[in-house]
Amino acid sequence: MRAVITVIGKDMVGILAQVAGACAKSNANVIEVTQSVLQDMFAMIMLVDVSGLNTEFGQFAASVNQIGADLGLATHVMHEDLFNSMHRI
């Protein structure tokens, strides 16, 4: 099982490290990361394996979202099942 994490906001040092740290703390394995800095705006998409989470998915998502709130970033964590259901014709 996988999840997609998106992060958007003003660029600053340590965004990737803090989100990856939240993943590590919850035992979510980062599979892929793409990020860009457009002028002073940071945008990142992470694909993480959540099959080995040591917490409930909702708690994991809340911890990532809290990091975003603390840093003034827009974060979103979406389980792969929900993502697939939304994009199925």
PDB file of N, CA and C in Angstrom:
ATOM      1  N   MET A   1       0.842  -1.170   0.000  1.00  0.00           N
ATOM      2  CA  MET A   1       0.000   0.000   0.000  1.00  0.00           C
ATOM      3  C   MET A   1       0.889   1.235   0.000  1.00  0.00           C
ATOM      4  N   ARG A   2       0.455   2.219  -0.765  1.00  0.00           N
ATOM      5  CA  ARG A   2       1.242   3.440  -0.879  1.00  0.00           C
ATOM      6  C   ARG A   2       0.370   4.654  -0.599  1.00  0.00           C
ATOM      7  N   ALA A   3       1.041   5.768  -0.415  1.00  0.00           N
ATOM      8  CA  ALA A   3       0.356   7.050  -0.237  1.00  0.00           C
ATOM      9  C   ALA A   3       1.136   8.112  -0.994  1.00  0.00           C
ATOM     10  N   VAL A   4       0.422   9.160  -1.386  1.00  0.00           N
ATOM     11  CA  VAL A   4       1.021  10.309  -2.054  1.00  0.00           C
ATOM     12  C   VAL A   4       0.973  11.477  -1.078  1.00  0.00           C
ATOM     13  N   ILE A   5       2.124  12.115  -0.883  1.00  0.00           N
ATOM     14  CA  ILE A   5       2.223  13.287  -0.020  1.00  0.00           C
ATOM     15  C   ILE A   5       2.592  14.470  -0.896  1.00  0.00           C
ATOM     16  N   THR A   6       1.837  15.567  -0.799  1.00  0.00           N
ATOM     17  CA  THR A   6       2.191  16.786  -1.513  1.00  0.00           C
ATOM     18  C   THR A   6       2.457  17.888  -0.499  1.00  0.00           C
ATOM     19  N   VAL A   7       3.433  18.721  -0.832  1.00  0.00           N
ATOM     20  CA  VAL A   7       3.805  19.843   0.031  1.00  0.00           C
ATOM     21  C   VAL A   7       4.044  21.047  -0.874  1.00  0.00           C
ATOM     22  N   ILE A   8       3.401  22.157  -0.553  1.00  0.00           N
ATOM     23  CA  ILE A   8       3.566  23.385  -1.333  1.00  0.00           C
ATOM     24  C   ILE A   8       3.662  24.559  -0.369  1.00  0.00           C
ATOM     25  N   GLY A   9       4.578  25.468  -0.647  1.00  0.00           N
ATOM     26  CA  GLY A   9       4.681  26.668   0.182  1.00  0.00           C
ATOM     27  C   GLY A   9       5.967  27.404  -0.055  1.00  0.00           C
ATOM     28  N   LYS A  10       6.222  28.379   0.785  1.00  0.00           N
ATOM     29  CA  LYS A  10       7.433  29.183   0.684  1.00  0.00           C
ATOM     30  C   LYS A  10       8.649  28.313   0.985  1.00  0.00           C
ATOM     31  N   ASP A  11       9.659  28.402   0.138  1.00  0.00           N
ATOM     32  CA  ASP A  11      10.865  27.589   0.305  1.00  0.00           C
ATOM     33  C   ASP A  11      11.612  27.971   1.577  1.00  0.00           C
ATOM     34  N   MET A  12      12.112  26.953   2.265  1.00  0.00           N
ATOM     35  CA  MET A  12      12.955  27.152   3.447  1.00  0.00           C
ATOM     36  C   MET A  12      13.795  25.892   3.648  1.00  0.00           C
ATOM     37  N   VAL A  13      14.811  26.010   4.427  1.00  0.00           N
ATOM     38  CA  VAL A  13      15.699  24.883   4.706  1.00  0.00           C
ATOM     39  C   VAL A  13      14.973  23.827   5.536  1.00  0.00           C
ATOM     40  N   GLY A  14      15.102  22.554   5.158  1.00  0.00           N
ATOM     41  CA  GLY A  14      14.654  21.453   5.994  1.00  0.00           C
ATOM     42  C   GLY A  14      13.276  20.890   5.732  1.00  0.00           C
ATOM     43  N   ILE A  15      12.577  21.362   4.699  1.00  0.00           N
ATOM     44  CA  ILE A  15      11.232  20.841   4.454  1.00  0.00           C
ATOM     45  C   ILE A  15      11.282  19.346   4.167  1.00  0.00           C
ATOM     46  N   LEU A  16      12.105  18.954   3.208  1.00  0.00           N
ATOM     47  CA  LEU A  16      12.219  17.541   2.854  1.00  0.00           C
ATOM     48  C   LEU A  16      12.642  16.719   4.060  1.00  0.00           C
ATOM     49  N   ALA A  17      13.606  17.214   4.824  1.00  0.00           N
ATOM     50  CA  ALA A  17      14.102  16.487   5.992  1.00  0.00           C
ATOM     51  C   ALA A  17      13.003  16.273   7.033  1.00  0.00           C
ATOM     52  N   GLN A  18      12.181  17.286   7.272  1.00  0.00           N
ATOM     53  CA  GLN A  18      11.138  17.141   8.288  1.00  0.00           C
ATOM     54  C   GLN A  18      10.048  16.182   7.850  1.00  0.00           C
ATOM     55  N   VAL A  19       9.638  16.257   6.577  1.00  0.00           N
ATOM     56  CA  VAL A  19       8.599  15.341   6.094  1.00  0.00           C
ATOM     57  C   VAL A  19       9.141  13.912   6.063  1.00  0.00           C
ATOM     58  N   ALA A  20      10.367  13.745   5.583  1.00  0.00           N
ATOM     59  CA  ALA A  20      10.982  12.416   5.564  1.00  0.00           C
ATOM     60  C   ALA A  20      11.156  11.884   6.984  1.00  0.00           C
ATOM     61  N   GLY A  21      11.457  12.759   7.929  1.00  0.00           N
ATOM     62  CA  GLY A  21      11.581  12.356   9.331  1.00  0.00           C
ATOM     63  C   GLY A  21      10.261  11.846   9.895  1.00  0.00           C
ATOM     64  N   ALA A  22       9.163  12.498   9.528  1.00  0.00           N
ATOM     65  CA  ALA A  22       7.838  12.032   9.965  1.00  0.00           C
ATOM     66  C   ALA A  22       7.538  10.667   9.366  1.00  0.00           C
ATOM     67  N   CYS A  23       7.955  10.467   8.113  1.00  0.00           N
ATOM     68  CA  CYS A  23       7.773   9.157   7.478  1.00  0.00           C
ATOM     69  C   CYS A  23       8.575   8.093   8.224  1.00  0.00           C
ATOM     70  N   ALA A  24       9.828   8.390   8.516  1.00  0.00           N
ATOM     71  CA  ALA A  24      10.683   7.429   9.212  1.00  0.00           C
ATOM     72  C   ALA A  24      10.127   7.094  10.591  1.00  0.00           C
ATOM     73  N   LYS A  25       9.646   8.106  11.301  1.00  0.00           N
ATOM     74  CA  LYS A  25       9.103   7.894  12.643  1.00  0.00           C
ATOM     75  C   LYS A  25       7.905   6.948  12.615  1.00  0.00           C
ATOM     76  N   SER A  26       7.120   7.011  11.532  1.00  0.00           N
ATOM     77  CA  SER A  26       5.933   6.157  11.397  1.00  0.00           C
ATOM     78  C   SER A  26       6.207   4.880  10.615  1.00  0.00           C
ATOM     79  N   ASN A  27       7.472   4.666  10.248  1.00  0.00           N
ATOM     80  CA  ASN A  27       7.900   3.490   9.479  1.00  0.00           C
ATOM     81  C   ASN A  27       7.301   3.454   8.071  1.00  0.00           C
ATOM     82  N   ALA A  28       7.125   4.638   7.476  1.00  0.00           N
ATOM     83  CA  ALA A  28       6.695   4.748   6.078  1.00  0.00           C
ATOM     84  C   ALA A  28       7.950   4.911   5.229  1.00  0.00           C
ATOM     85  N   ASN A  29       8.118   4.060   4.246  1.00  0.00           N
ATOM     86  CA  ASN A  29       9.316   4.080   3.414  1.00  0.00           C
ATOM     87  C   ASN A  29       9.114   5.004   2.217  1.00  0.00           C
ATOM     88  N   VAL A  30      10.011   5.973   2.055  1.00  0.00           N
ATOM     89  CA  VAL A  30       9.939   6.898   0.923  1.00  0.00           C
ATOM     90  C   VAL A  30      10.428   6.157  -0.319  1.00  0.00           C
ATOM     91  N   ILE A  31       9.561   6.057  -1.327  1.00  0.00           N
ATOM     92  CA  ILE A  31       9.886   5.350  -2.568  1.00  0.00           C
ATOM     93  C   ILE A  31      10.431   6.312  -3.613  1.00  0.00           C
ATOM     94  N   GLU A  32       9.730   7.418  -3.826  1.00  0.00           N
ATOM     95  CA  GLU A  32      10.147   8.414  -4.814  1.00  0.00           C
ATOM     96  C   GLU A  32       9.847   9.804  -4.296  1.00  0.00           C
ATOM     97  N   VAL A  33      10.684  10.756  -4.717  1.00  0.00           N
ATOM     98  CA  VAL A  33      10.473  12.156  -4.376  1.00  0.00           C
ATOM     99  C   VAL A  33      10.774  12.995  -5.609  1.00  0.00           C
ATOM    100  N   THR A  34       9.901  13.944  -5.886  1.00  0.00           N
ATOM    101  CA  THR A  34      10.196  14.959  -6.881  1.00  0.00           C
ATOM    102  C   THR A  34       9.912  16.298  -6.225  1.00  0.00           C
ATOM    103  N   GLN A  35      10.799  17.237  -6.433  1.00  0.00           N
ATOM    104  CA  GLN A  35      10.612  18.557  -5.839  1.00  0.00           C
ATOM    105  C   GLN A  35      11.148  19.624  -6.779  1.00  0.00           C
ATOM    106  N   SER A  36      10.573  20.793  -6.678  1.00  0.00           N
ATOM    107  CA  SER A  36      11.007  21.931  -7.475  1.00  0.00           C
ATOM    108  C   SER A  36      10.918  23.177  -6.619  1.00  0.00           C
ATOM    109  N   VAL A  37      11.786  24.115  -6.910  1.00  0.00           N
ATOM    110  CA  VAL A  37      11.709  25.431  -6.310  1.00  0.00           C
ATOM    111  C   VAL A  37      11.504  26.402  -7.464  1.00  0.00           C
ATOM    112  N   LEU A  38      10.352  27.073  -7.455  1.00  0.00           N
ATOM    113  CA  LEU A  38      10.004  28.042  -8.483  1.00  0.00           C
ATOM    114  C   LEU A  38      10.067  29.418  -7.839  1.00  0.00           C
ATOM    115  N   GLN A  39      11.133  30.155  -8.156  1.00  0.00           N
ATOM    116  CA  GLN A  39      11.447  31.416  -7.481  1.00  0.00           C
ATOM    117  C   GLN A  39      11.563  31.125  -5.994  1.00  0.00           C
ATOM    118  N   ASP A  40      10.614  31.547  -5.173  1.00  0.00           N
ATOM    119  CA  ASP A  40      10.710  31.262  -3.729  1.00  0.00           C
ATOM    120  C   ASP A  40       9.653  30.268  -3.254  1.00  0.00           C
ATOM    121  N   MET A  41       9.006  29.589  -4.200  1.00  0.00           N
ATOM    122  CA  MET A  41       7.964  28.620  -3.855  1.00  0.00           C
ATOM    123  C   MET A  41       8.498  27.188  -3.993  1.00  0.00           C
ATOM    124  N   PHE A  42       8.215  26.376  -2.985  1.00  0.00           N
ATOM    125  CA  PHE A  42       8.648  24.986  -2.930  1.00  0.00           C
ATOM    126  C   PHE A  42       7.461  24.085  -3.250  1.00  0.00           C
ATOM    127  N   ALA A  43       7.678  23.090  -4.100  1.00  0.00           N
ATOM    128  CA  ALA A  43       6.634  22.106  -4.418  1.00  0.00           C
ATOM    129  C   ALA A  43       7.270  20.719  -4.389  1.00  0.00           C
ATOM    130  N   MET A  44       6.622  19.776  -3.703  1.00  0.00           N
ATOM    131  CA  MET A  44       7.170  18.424  -3.587  1.00  0.00           C
ATOM    132  C   MET A  44       6.035  17.411  -3.650  1.00  0.00           C
ATOM    133  N   ILE A  45       6.314  16.292  -4.318  1.00  0.00           N
ATOM    134  CA  ILE A  45       5.429  15.138  -4.317  1.00  0.00           C
ATOM    135  C   ILE A  45       6.263  13.944  -3.871  1.00  0.00           C
ATOM    136  N   MET A  46       5.769  13.226  -2.878  1.00  0.00           N
ATOM    137  CA  MET A  46       6.432  12.019  -2.371  1.00  0.00           C
ATOM    138  C   MET A  46       5.503  10.832  -2.557  1.00  0.00           C
ATOM    139  N   LEU A  47       6.068   9.724  -2.947  1.00  0.00           N
ATOM    140  CA  LEU A  47       5.355   8.456  -2.963  1.00  0.00           C
ATOM    141  C   LEU A  47       5.967   7.614  -1.848  1.00  0.00           C
ATOM    142  N   VAL A  48       5.146   7.175  -0.903  1.00  0.00           N
ATOM    143  CA  VAL A  48       5.652   6.421   0.242  1.00  0.00           C
ATOM    144  C   VAL A  48       4.914   5.100   0.389  1.00  0.00           C
ATOM    145  N   ASP A  49       5.642   4.094   0.829  1.00  0.00           N
ATOM    146  CA  ASP A  49       5.061   2.786   1.128  1.00  0.00           C
ATOM    147  C   ASP A  49       4.571   2.823   2.567  1.00  0.00           C
ATOM    148  N   VAL A  50       3.268   2.657   2.759  1.00  0.00           N
ATOM    149  CA  VAL A  50       2.679   2.728   4.100  1.00  0.00           C
ATOM    150  C   VAL A  50       2.242   1.355   4.609  1.00  0.00           C
ATOM    151  N   SER A  51       2.670   0.292   3.939  1.00  0.00           N
ATOM    152  CA  SER A  51       2.250  -1.052   4.352  1.00  0.00           C
ATOM    153  C   SER A  51       2.836  -1.460   5.700  1.00  0.00           C
ATOM    154  N   GLY A  52       3.925  -0.839   6.117  1.00  0.00           N
ATOM    155  CA  GLY A  52       4.547  -1.196   7.392  1.00  0.00           C
ATOM    156  C   GLY A  52       4.379  -0.150   8.474  1.00  0.00           C
ATOM    157  N   LEU A  53       3.375   0.698   8.357  1.00  0.00           N
ATOM    158  CA  LEU A  53       3.184   1.751   9.355  1.00  0.00           C
ATOM    159  C   LEU A  53       3.081   1.177  10.768  1.00  0.00           C
ATOM    160  N   ASN A  54       3.692   1.877  11.719  1.00  0.00           N
ATOM    161  CA  ASN A  54       3.598   1.468  13.117  1.00  0.00           C
ATOM    162  C   ASN A  54       2.522   2.273  13.853  1.00  0.00           C
ATOM    163  N   THR A  55       1.689   2.952  13.092  1.00  0.00           N
ATOM    164  CA  THR A  55       0.578   3.745  13.612  1.00  0.00           C
ATOM    165  C   THR A  55      -0.576   3.655  12.614  1.00  0.00           C
ATOM    166  N   GLU A  56      -1.725   4.164  12.948  1.00  0.00           N
ATOM    167  CA  GLU A  56      -2.827   4.171  12.003  1.00  0.00           C
ATOM    168  C   GLU A  56      -2.557   5.209  10.920  1.00  0.00           C
ATOM    169  N   PHE A  57      -3.108   4.974   9.727  1.00  0.00           N
ATOM    170  CA  PHE A  57      -2.879   5.875   8.607  1.00  0.00           C
ATOM    171  C   PHE A  57      -3.317   7.299   8.939  1.00  0.00           C
ATOM    172  N   GLY A  58      -4.438   7.450   9.599  1.00  0.00           N
ATOM    173  CA  GLY A  58      -4.937   8.774   9.965  1.00  0.00           C
ATOM    174  C   GLY A  58      -3.978   9.537  10.862  1.00  0.00           C
ATOM    175  N   GLN A  59      -3.346   8.820  11.785  1.00  0.00           N
ATOM    176  CA  GLN A  59      -2.366   9.455  12.675  1.00  0.00           C
ATOM    177  C   GLN A  59      -1.114   9.856  11.896  1.00  0.00           C
ATOM    178  N   PHE A  60      -0.701   9.007  10.949  1.00  0.00           N
ATOM    179  CA  PHE A  60       0.442   9.331  10.107  1.00  0.00           C
ATOM    180  C   PHE A  60       0.151  10.594   9.302  1.00  0.00           C
ATOM    181  N   ALA A  61      -1.018  10.635   8.663  1.00  0.00           N
ATOM    182  CA  ALA A  61      -1.396  11.806   7.867  1.00  0.00           C
ATOM    183  C   ALA A  61      -1.451  13.058   8.738  1.00  0.00           C
ATOM    184  N   ALA A  62      -1.987  12.927   9.930  1.00  0.00           N
ATOM    185  CA  ALA A  62      -2.074  14.072  10.845  1.00  0.00           C
ATOM    186  C   ALA A  62      -0.688  14.585  11.231  1.00  0.00           C
ATOM    187  N   SER A  63       0.272  13.680  11.413  1.00  0.00           N
ATOM    188  CA  SER A  63       1.619  14.110  11.785  1.00  0.00           C
ATOM    189  C   SER A  63       2.288  14.870  10.644  1.00  0.00           C
ATOM    190  N   VAL A  64       2.083  14.416   9.408  1.00  0.00           N
ATOM    191  CA  VAL A  64       2.637  15.129   8.251  1.00  0.00           C
ATOM    192  C   VAL A  64       1.946  16.486   8.106  1.00  0.00           C
ATOM    193  N   ASN A  65       0.629  16.506   8.260  1.00  0.00           N
ATOM    194  CA  ASN A  65      -0.109  17.762   8.143  1.00  0.00           C
ATOM    195  C   ASN A  65       0.271  18.749   9.240  1.00  0.00           C
ATOM    196  N   GLN A  66       0.606  18.247  10.421  1.00  0.00           N
ATOM    197  CA  GLN A  66       1.027  19.129  11.510  1.00  0.00           C
ATOM    198  C   GLN A  66       2.357  19.800  11.184  1.00  0.00           C
ATOM    199  N   ILE A  67       3.264  19.056  10.569  1.00  0.00           N
ATOM    200  CA  ILE A  67       4.533  19.652  10.137  1.00  0.00           C
ATOM    201  C   ILE A  67       4.262  20.787   9.163  1.00  0.00           C
ATOM    202  N   GLY A  68       3.356  20.535   8.208  1.00  0.00           N
ATOM    203  CA  GLY A  68       2.999  21.580   7.261  1.00  0.00           C
ATOM    204  C   GLY A  68       2.425  22.799   7.957  1.00  0.00           C
ATOM    205  N   ALA A  69       1.529  22.586   8.903  1.00  0.00           N
ATOM    206  CA  ALA A  69       0.926  23.702   9.634  1.00  0.00           C
ATOM    207  C   ALA A  69       1.984  24.478  10.411  1.00  0.00           C
ATOM    208  N   ASP A  70       2.900  23.757  11.048  1.00  0.00           N
ATOM    209  CA  ASP A  70       3.956  24.413  11.822  1.00  0.00           C
ATOM    210  C   ASP A  70       4.862  25.264  10.940  1.00  0.00           C
ATOM    211  N   LEU A  71       5.076  24.837   9.702  1.00  0.00           N
ATOM    212  CA  LEU A  71       5.977  25.550   8.786  1.00  0.00           C
ATOM    213  C   LEU A  71       5.238  26.499   7.847  1.00  0.00           C
ATOM    214  N   GLY A  72       3.921  26.550   7.940  1.00  0.00           N
ATOM    215  CA  GLY A  72       3.150  27.423   7.057  1.00  0.00           C
ATOM    216  C   GLY A  72       3.048  26.893   5.633  1.00  0.00           C
ATOM    217  N   LEU A  73       3.004  25.569   5.488  1.00  0.00           N
ATOM    218  CA  LEU A  73       2.950  24.922   4.181  1.00  0.00           C
ATOM    219  C   LEU A  73       1.605  24.225   4.000  1.00  0.00           C
ATOM    220  N   ALA A  74       1.204  24.069   2.757  1.00  0.00           N
ATOM    221  CA  ALA A  74       0.006  23.282   2.442  1.00  0.00           C
ATOM    222  C   ALA A  74       0.461  21.850   2.198  1.00  0.00           C
ATOM    223  N   THR A  75      -0.003  20.920   3.025  1.00  0.00           N
ATOM    224  CA  THR A  75       0.356  19.518   2.871  1.00  0.00           C
ATOM    225  C   THR A  75      -0.909  18.693   2.673  1.00  0.00           C
ATOM    226  N   HIS A  76      -0.739  17.585   1.979  1.00  0.00           N
ATOM    227  CA  HIS A  76      -1.871  16.692   1.760  1.00  0.00           C
ATOM    228  C   HIS A  76      -1.327  15.273   1.691  1.00  0.00           C
ATOM    229  N   VAL A  77      -1.956  14.356   2.397  1.00  0.00           N
ATOM    230  CA  VAL A  77      -1.574  12.946   2.386  1.00  0.00           C
ATOM    231  C   VAL A  77      -2.785  12.155   1.894  1.00  0.00           C
ATOM    232  N   MET A  78      -2.606  11.426   0.788  1.00  0.00           N
ATOM    233  CA  MET A  78      -3.713  10.669   0.210  1.00  0.00           C
ATOM    234  C   MET A  78      -3.300   9.213   0.032  1.00  0.00           C
ATOM    235  N   HIS A  79      -4.097   8.307   0.587  1.00  0.00           N
ATOM    236  CA  HIS A  79      -3.852   6.877   0.429  1.00  0.00           C
ATOM    237  C   HIS A  79      -4.043   6.494  -1.033  1.00  0.00           C
ATOM    238  N   GLU A  80      -3.252   5.565  -1.499  1.00  0.00           N
ATOM    239  CA  GLU A  80      -3.307   5.120  -2.890  1.00  0.00           C
ATOM    240  C   GLU A  80      -4.702   4.628  -3.281  1.00  0.00           C
ATOM    241  N   ASP A  81      -5.389   3.945  -2.394  1.00  0.00           N
ATOM    242  CA  ASP A  81      -6.735   3.444  -2.707  1.00  0.00           C
ATOM    243  C   ASP A  81      -7.695   4.590  -3.033  1.00  0.00           C
ATOM    244  N   LEU A  82      -7.629   5.650  -2.263  1.00  0.00           N
ATOM    245  CA  LEU A  82      -8.482   6.808  -2.516  1.00  0.00           C
ATOM    246  C   LEU A  82      -8.080   7.486  -3.820  1.00  0.00           C
ATOM    247  N   PHE A  83      -6.787   7.634  -4.023  1.00  0.00           N
ATOM    248  CA  PHE A  83      -6.286   8.243  -5.255  1.00  0.00           C
ATOM    249  C   PHE A  83      -6.774   7.458  -6.471  1.00  0.00           C
ATOM    250  N   ASN A  84      -6.642   6.147  -6.432  1.00  0.00           N
ATOM    251  CA  ASN A  84      -7.085   5.317  -7.556  1.00  0.00           C
ATOM    252  C   ASN A  84      -8.587   5.406  -7.760  1.00  0.00           C
ATOM    253  N   SER A  85      -9.360   5.418  -6.696  1.00  0.00           N
ATOM    254  CA  SER A  85     -10.805   5.515  -6.818  1.00  0.00           C
ATOM    255  C   SER A  85     -11.226   6.842  -7.442  1.00  0.00           C
ATOM    256  N   MET A  86     -10.537   7.914  -7.116  1.00  0.00           N
ATOM    257  CA  MET A  86     -10.862   9.225  -7.667  1.00  0.00           C
ATOM    258  C   MET A  86     -10.544   9.337  -9.158  1.00  0.00           C
ATOM    259  N   HIS A  87      -9.571   8.548  -9.620  1.00  0.00           N
ATOM    260  CA  HIS A  87      -9.101   8.677 -10.998  1.00  0.00           C
ATOM    261  C   HIS A  87      -9.501   7.494 -11.880  1.00  0.00           C
ATOM    262  N   ARG A  88     -10.439   6.717 -11.421  1.00  0.00           N
ATOM    263  CA  ARG A  88     -10.926   5.586 -12.183  1.00  0.00           C
ATOM    264  C   ARG A  88     -12.130   6.042 -13.007  1.00  0.00           C
ATOM    265  N   ILE A  89     -12.178   5.645 -14.257  1.00  0.00           N
ATOM    266  CA  ILE A  89     -13.288   6.030 -15.133  1.00  0.00           C
ATOM    267  C   ILE A  89     -14.371   4.980 -15.065  1.00  0.00           C
TER     268      ILE A  89
END
